Each structure stands twice: as C-alpha cells, then as structure tokens.
N, C-alpha and C. Protein backbone atom coordinates (compact mmCIF):
# COMPACT_ATOMS: atom_id res chain seq x y z
N MET A 1 134.12 262.99 70.60
CA MET A 1 132.74 263.45 70.57
C MET A 1 131.82 262.26 70.79
N VAL A 2 130.85 262.43 71.61
CA VAL A 2 129.89 261.37 71.92
C VAL A 2 128.76 261.44 70.91
N GLY A 3 128.43 260.32 70.34
CA GLY A 3 127.31 260.27 69.40
C GLY A 3 125.98 260.35 70.13
N ILE A 4 125.07 261.09 69.56
CA ILE A 4 123.75 261.22 70.16
C ILE A 4 122.76 260.48 69.28
N ARG A 5 122.04 259.57 69.89
CA ARG A 5 121.05 258.78 69.16
C ARG A 5 119.68 259.39 69.36
N LYS A 6 118.99 259.63 68.27
CA LYS A 6 117.65 260.19 68.37
C LYS A 6 116.68 259.09 68.78
N ILE A 7 115.91 259.36 69.80
CA ILE A 7 114.89 258.41 70.25
C ILE A 7 113.55 258.88 69.72
N GLU A 8 112.89 258.00 69.02
CA GLU A 8 111.58 258.34 68.47
C GLU A 8 110.56 258.44 69.60
N THR A 9 109.78 259.49 69.56
CA THR A 9 108.72 259.67 70.55
C THR A 9 107.37 259.40 69.89
N THR A 10 106.36 259.29 70.73
CA THR A 10 105.03 258.98 70.21
C THR A 10 103.98 259.83 70.92
N THR A 11 102.93 260.12 70.21
CA THR A 11 101.78 260.78 70.83
C THR A 11 100.67 259.76 71.10
N TYR A 12 100.88 258.53 70.62
CA TYR A 12 99.89 257.48 70.86
C TYR A 12 100.20 256.78 72.19
N LEU A 13 99.19 256.65 73.01
CA LEU A 13 99.29 255.84 74.21
C LEU A 13 98.09 254.90 74.23
N PRO A 14 98.27 253.67 74.68
CA PRO A 14 97.12 252.78 74.80
C PRO A 14 96.07 253.43 75.71
N ALA A 15 94.82 253.05 75.52
CA ALA A 15 93.71 253.67 76.25
C ALA A 15 93.92 253.65 77.76
N VAL A 16 94.40 252.55 78.29
CA VAL A 16 94.57 252.45 79.74
C VAL A 16 95.61 253.46 80.24
N MET A 17 96.68 253.66 79.47
CA MET A 17 97.69 254.64 79.87
C MET A 17 97.16 256.07 79.70
N ALA A 18 96.44 256.31 78.61
CA ALA A 18 95.87 257.64 78.38
C ALA A 18 94.89 258.00 79.49
N ARG A 19 94.08 257.02 79.92
CA ARG A 19 93.15 257.27 81.03
C ARG A 19 93.89 257.56 82.33
N ALA A 20 95.00 256.88 82.56
CA ALA A 20 95.77 257.11 83.77
C ALA A 20 96.38 258.51 83.78
N VAL A 21 96.94 258.94 82.66
CA VAL A 21 97.50 260.29 82.55
C VAL A 21 96.39 261.31 82.76
N SER A 22 95.24 261.07 82.15
CA SER A 22 94.09 261.98 82.31
C SER A 22 93.63 262.03 83.77
N ALA A 23 93.61 260.90 84.43
CA ALA A 23 93.18 260.86 85.83
C ALA A 23 94.11 261.68 86.71
N VAL A 24 95.40 261.63 86.44
CA VAL A 24 96.36 262.42 87.21
C VAL A 24 96.10 263.91 86.98
N ALA A 25 95.89 264.30 85.72
CA ALA A 25 95.64 265.71 85.38
C ALA A 25 94.36 266.21 86.04
N VAL A 26 93.31 265.42 85.97
CA VAL A 26 92.02 265.82 86.57
C VAL A 26 92.13 265.88 88.09
N SER A 27 92.82 264.94 88.69
CA SER A 27 93.00 264.96 90.15
C SER A 27 93.76 266.20 90.59
N TRP A 28 94.75 266.60 89.82
CA TRP A 28 95.51 267.81 90.14
C TRP A 28 94.61 269.04 90.06
N SER A 29 93.77 269.09 89.04
CA SER A 29 92.83 270.21 88.90
C SER A 29 91.89 270.28 90.10
N ASN A 30 91.43 269.12 90.54
CA ASN A 30 90.55 269.08 91.72
C ASN A 30 91.29 269.54 92.97
N LEU A 31 92.55 269.15 93.11
CA LEU A 31 93.36 269.59 94.25
C LEU A 31 93.49 271.11 94.24
N GLU A 32 93.77 271.68 93.08
CA GLU A 32 93.90 273.15 92.98
C GLU A 32 92.57 273.84 93.29
N LEU A 33 91.46 273.23 92.90
CA LEU A 33 90.14 273.79 93.22
C LEU A 33 89.90 273.78 94.73
N GLU A 34 90.27 272.69 95.39
CA GLU A 34 90.12 272.61 96.85
C GLU A 34 91.00 273.66 97.53
N MET A 35 92.18 273.89 96.98
CA MET A 35 93.04 274.93 97.54
C MET A 35 92.37 276.30 97.38
N GLU A 36 91.74 276.51 96.25
CA GLU A 36 91.01 277.77 96.03
C GLU A 36 89.91 277.94 97.07
N HIS A 37 89.19 276.88 97.36
CA HIS A 37 88.13 276.95 98.38
C HIS A 37 88.72 277.27 99.76
N ALA A 38 89.86 276.67 100.07
CA ALA A 38 90.50 276.95 101.37
C ALA A 38 90.91 278.42 101.45
N ILE A 39 91.44 278.95 100.37
CA ILE A 39 91.82 280.36 100.33
C ILE A 39 90.60 281.25 100.52
N ARG A 40 89.51 280.87 99.87
CA ARG A 40 88.27 281.66 99.98
C ARG A 40 87.76 281.66 101.42
N VAL A 41 87.74 280.50 102.05
CA VAL A 41 87.23 280.39 103.42
C VAL A 41 88.15 281.13 104.39
N LEU A 42 89.45 280.88 104.30
CA LEU A 42 90.40 281.53 105.21
C LEU A 42 90.47 283.03 104.97
N GLY A 43 90.29 283.45 103.74
CA GLY A 43 90.33 284.87 103.41
C GLY A 43 89.00 285.56 103.59
N LYS A 44 87.98 284.78 103.94
CA LYS A 44 86.63 285.31 104.15
C LYS A 44 86.20 286.19 102.97
N MET A 45 86.27 285.59 101.78
CA MET A 45 85.94 286.34 100.58
C MET A 45 84.91 285.59 99.74
N PRO A 46 84.21 286.28 98.87
CA PRO A 46 83.24 285.63 98.01
C PRO A 46 83.97 284.77 96.96
N HIS A 47 83.21 283.87 96.34
CA HIS A 47 83.78 282.98 95.31
C HIS A 47 84.51 283.76 94.23
N ARG A 48 83.87 284.82 93.75
CA ARG A 48 84.46 285.61 92.66
C ARG A 48 85.81 286.21 93.09
N GLY A 49 85.88 286.70 94.32
CA GLY A 49 87.12 287.27 94.83
C GLY A 49 88.24 286.24 94.89
N ALA A 50 87.91 285.04 95.36
CA ALA A 50 88.90 283.98 95.43
C ALA A 50 89.35 283.56 94.04
N ARG A 51 88.40 283.50 93.13
CA ARG A 51 88.71 283.11 91.75
C ARG A 51 89.69 284.11 91.13
N ILE A 52 89.43 285.39 91.34
CA ILE A 52 90.31 286.44 90.82
C ILE A 52 91.70 286.32 91.47
N LEU A 53 91.72 286.10 92.77
CA LEU A 53 92.98 286.03 93.50
C LEU A 53 93.86 284.87 93.02
N VAL A 54 93.29 283.71 92.79
CA VAL A 54 94.10 282.53 92.46
C VAL A 54 94.42 282.39 90.98
N THR A 55 93.85 283.23 90.15
CA THR A 55 94.14 283.14 88.71
C THR A 55 95.65 283.25 88.49
N GLY A 56 96.21 282.26 87.85
CA GLY A 56 97.64 282.23 87.57
C GLY A 56 98.49 281.65 88.69
N MET A 57 97.88 281.34 89.84
CA MET A 57 98.64 280.75 90.95
C MET A 57 98.84 279.26 90.72
N ASN A 58 100.07 278.80 90.92
CA ASN A 58 100.28 277.36 90.88
C ASN A 58 100.02 276.77 92.26
N ALA A 59 100.15 275.47 92.38
CA ALA A 59 99.84 274.80 93.65
C ALA A 59 100.74 275.26 94.79
N ARG A 60 102.02 275.45 94.51
CA ARG A 60 102.94 275.90 95.56
C ARG A 60 102.53 277.27 96.10
N THR A 61 102.17 278.16 95.20
CA THR A 61 101.76 279.50 95.62
C THR A 61 100.46 279.44 96.39
N ARG A 62 99.54 278.60 95.94
CA ARG A 62 98.26 278.46 96.65
C ARG A 62 98.49 277.94 98.06
N MET A 63 99.38 276.95 98.21
CA MET A 63 99.64 276.41 99.54
C MET A 63 100.31 277.46 100.43
N GLY A 64 101.19 278.27 99.86
CA GLY A 64 101.80 279.36 100.62
C GLY A 64 100.77 280.37 101.07
N CYS A 65 99.80 280.64 100.20
CA CYS A 65 98.71 281.56 100.52
C CYS A 65 97.85 280.98 101.65
N ILE A 66 97.53 279.70 101.56
CA ILE A 66 96.74 279.03 102.60
C ILE A 66 97.47 279.11 103.94
N GLU A 67 98.76 278.81 103.92
CA GLU A 67 99.56 278.85 105.14
C GLU A 67 99.57 280.26 105.74
N GLY A 68 99.77 281.26 104.89
CA GLY A 68 99.79 282.64 105.37
C GLY A 68 98.45 283.09 105.91
N LEU A 69 97.38 282.76 105.19
CA LEU A 69 96.04 283.14 105.66
C LEU A 69 95.69 282.45 106.97
N TYR A 70 96.10 281.20 107.11
CA TYR A 70 95.84 280.48 108.36
C TYR A 70 96.56 281.17 109.52
N GLN A 71 97.82 281.54 109.30
CA GLN A 71 98.58 282.23 110.35
C GLN A 71 97.94 283.57 110.69
N LEU A 72 97.41 284.24 109.69
CA LEU A 72 96.74 285.52 109.92
C LEU A 72 95.47 285.32 110.74
N ARG A 73 94.71 284.29 110.43
CA ARG A 73 93.43 284.04 111.10
C ARG A 73 93.60 283.33 112.43
N ARG A 74 94.66 282.54 112.58
CA ARG A 74 94.89 281.77 113.81
C ARG A 74 93.62 281.06 114.27
N SER A 75 93.17 280.16 113.42
CA SER A 75 91.97 279.39 113.75
C SER A 75 92.13 278.68 115.08
N ALA A 76 91.02 278.32 115.67
CA ALA A 76 91.01 277.71 117.00
C ALA A 76 91.43 276.24 117.00
N LYS A 77 91.61 275.65 115.83
CA LYS A 77 91.97 274.23 115.78
C LYS A 77 93.45 274.04 116.10
N PRO A 78 93.74 273.40 117.24
CA PRO A 78 95.14 273.16 117.57
C PRO A 78 95.76 272.15 116.60
N GLY A 79 97.00 272.39 116.23
CA GLY A 79 97.70 271.46 115.35
C GLY A 79 97.45 271.67 113.88
N MET A 80 96.54 272.57 113.52
CA MET A 80 96.21 272.76 112.12
C MET A 80 97.39 273.35 111.34
N ALA A 81 98.15 274.25 111.94
CA ALA A 81 99.30 274.85 111.25
C ALA A 81 100.31 273.76 110.87
N ASP A 82 100.53 272.81 111.78
CA ASP A 82 101.44 271.70 111.48
C ASP A 82 100.91 270.85 110.35
N GLU A 83 99.61 270.61 110.36
CA GLU A 83 98.98 269.81 109.30
C GLU A 83 99.11 270.51 107.95
N ILE A 84 98.91 271.81 107.91
CA ILE A 84 99.05 272.57 106.67
C ILE A 84 100.48 272.48 106.16
N ARG A 85 101.46 272.61 107.06
CA ARG A 85 102.87 272.50 106.66
C ARG A 85 103.19 271.11 106.12
N LYS A 86 102.63 270.07 106.72
CA LYS A 86 102.85 268.70 106.25
C LYS A 86 102.28 268.51 104.85
N ILE A 87 101.07 269.00 104.65
CA ILE A 87 100.43 268.88 103.33
C ILE A 87 101.23 269.65 102.29
N LYS A 88 101.64 270.85 102.64
CA LYS A 88 102.43 271.68 101.73
C LYS A 88 103.72 270.96 101.35
N ALA A 89 104.42 270.40 102.32
CA ALA A 89 105.67 269.68 102.06
C ALA A 89 105.43 268.46 101.19
N GLU A 90 104.36 267.73 101.45
CA GLU A 90 104.04 266.54 100.65
C GLU A 90 103.78 266.92 99.20
N ILE A 91 103.05 268.00 98.99
CA ILE A 91 102.77 268.46 97.63
C ILE A 91 104.06 268.89 96.95
N GLU A 92 104.85 269.71 97.62
CA GLU A 92 106.06 270.25 97.02
C GLU A 92 107.15 269.20 96.83
N ASN A 93 107.29 268.26 97.75
CA ASN A 93 108.40 267.31 97.71
C ASN A 93 108.10 266.00 97.00
N ARG A 94 106.83 265.67 96.79
CA ARG A 94 106.53 264.40 96.16
C ARG A 94 105.43 264.50 95.12
N VAL A 95 104.27 264.94 95.52
CA VAL A 95 103.08 264.87 94.66
C VAL A 95 103.27 265.68 93.38
N GLU A 96 103.74 266.92 93.51
CA GLU A 96 103.89 267.78 92.35
C GLU A 96 104.89 267.19 91.34
N GLY A 97 106.00 266.68 91.84
CA GLY A 97 107.00 266.07 90.96
C GLY A 97 106.48 264.85 90.25
N ASP A 98 105.77 263.98 90.98
CA ASP A 98 105.18 262.79 90.37
C ASP A 98 104.17 263.17 89.29
N ARG A 99 103.34 264.16 89.61
CA ARG A 99 102.35 264.64 88.64
C ARG A 99 103.02 265.18 87.40
N ASN A 100 104.05 266.00 87.58
CA ASN A 100 104.73 266.59 86.44
C ASN A 100 105.41 265.55 85.56
N LYS A 101 105.99 264.52 86.18
CA LYS A 101 106.63 263.46 85.40
C LYS A 101 105.63 262.77 84.49
N ILE A 102 104.42 262.57 84.97
CA ILE A 102 103.41 261.87 84.20
C ILE A 102 102.73 262.78 83.18
N VAL A 103 102.29 263.94 83.62
CA VAL A 103 101.50 264.82 82.75
C VAL A 103 102.35 265.50 81.68
N HIS A 104 103.60 265.83 81.99
CA HIS A 104 104.45 266.54 81.04
C HIS A 104 105.45 265.63 80.35
N ALA A 105 105.24 264.35 80.43
CA ALA A 105 106.19 263.38 79.87
C ALA A 105 106.18 263.37 78.35
N VAL A 106 107.35 263.04 77.81
CA VAL A 106 107.49 262.71 76.39
C VAL A 106 107.70 261.20 76.37
N TRP A 107 106.85 260.51 75.65
CA TRP A 107 106.82 259.05 75.68
C TRP A 107 107.53 258.43 74.47
N HIS A 108 108.13 257.27 74.70
CA HIS A 108 108.75 256.48 73.64
C HIS A 108 108.00 255.14 73.57
N ARG A 109 107.80 254.68 72.35
CA ARG A 109 107.14 253.38 72.13
C ARG A 109 108.12 252.49 71.39
N THR A 110 108.44 251.34 71.98
CA THR A 110 109.36 250.41 71.33
C THR A 110 108.61 249.58 70.28
N LYS A 111 109.37 248.85 69.49
CA LYS A 111 108.76 247.99 68.47
C LYS A 111 107.95 246.86 69.11
N LYS A 112 108.22 246.58 70.38
CA LYS A 112 107.47 245.54 71.11
C LYS A 112 106.29 246.13 71.85
N ASP A 113 105.90 247.36 71.52
CA ASP A 113 104.80 248.07 72.17
C ASP A 113 105.02 248.26 73.67
N GLU A 114 106.26 248.52 74.04
CA GLU A 114 106.57 248.90 75.41
C GLU A 114 106.69 250.42 75.43
N TYR A 115 106.27 251.02 76.52
CA TYR A 115 106.29 252.48 76.63
C TYR A 115 107.15 252.91 77.80
N PHE A 116 107.89 253.97 77.61
CA PHE A 116 108.61 254.56 78.72
C PHE A 116 108.78 256.05 78.48
N ILE A 117 109.06 256.77 79.56
CA ILE A 117 109.21 258.22 79.50
C ILE A 117 110.63 258.54 79.05
N VAL A 118 110.73 259.37 78.01
CA VAL A 118 112.03 259.80 77.51
C VAL A 118 112.49 261.03 78.27
N ARG A 119 111.59 261.98 78.46
CA ARG A 119 111.94 263.24 79.11
C ARG A 119 110.69 263.79 79.76
N THR A 120 110.85 264.46 80.90
CA THR A 120 109.69 265.02 81.56
C THR A 120 109.69 266.54 81.50
N SER A 121 110.83 267.17 81.67
CA SER A 121 110.92 268.63 81.61
C SER A 121 112.37 269.03 81.65
N GLY A 122 112.63 270.30 81.52
CA GLY A 122 113.99 270.79 81.60
C GLY A 122 114.73 270.67 80.28
N THR A 123 116.04 270.77 80.36
CA THR A 123 116.86 270.71 79.16
C THR A 123 117.80 269.52 79.25
N TRP A 124 118.39 269.16 78.14
CA TRP A 124 119.29 268.02 78.11
C TRP A 124 120.63 268.41 78.59
C-alpha cells in the first residue's frame, strides 16, 4: 500500500498573486461578454434577447453559437469563418485550460513562503 501524504493548502495568497488570479477571472468575464455581443450582432437580436440566450452558456458553447450564427448569416467578410475557427480552437485548446488552472487552483504554501498549485480540478 502506498502512503498518502496530506498536503496543507492555503486560502492566503500574497497581494500580487491574488491580483493576478483576479485579473485572469475578470479578463475571462470580459471575454464572455464580448462573445455575448457577437451573438447579439450575428443573431440580430436586442440586448435582452442575447442576455437570455447566453444565460448558463460557457465559453465553448458561446463560441459554437458564434460559429453557427456566422455560417447562417454568411457575412461578406472573406476569411472570417477561418478566423472564428482559429479563435475557437485557441480558447478551447489553450486559453480555457490556462484560465481554469489559475482560477480553480488549490494552492499550497511552504514554510519558506513559496506557493504552488496542488490541484486544479478533477479527481485524484
């Protein structure tokens, strides 16, 4: 049997780290708001309609909605569909994971005041 060592976690983070985590969370919220605006414009709907539509949608779903609405509208901008796919892939393959690691992290503080992430999500 393998022994399991309990790692002490902390809710305290130095101000600079707390500000960085907050900045990531706020930036993500702004990104989701911009996605909402894109859905509203592409869907040709009022603000209230877009707000109702995106309630409960995560970023992946919002990007899928944007991609679908763009295909439905077939805007006159050449290359825009490729650009939307690139942005969607970047969010899904890198940005979202990086954000989740930081925002949903469980932190450990050593006796030397060093900090590292113990766990970000999922199960052991």
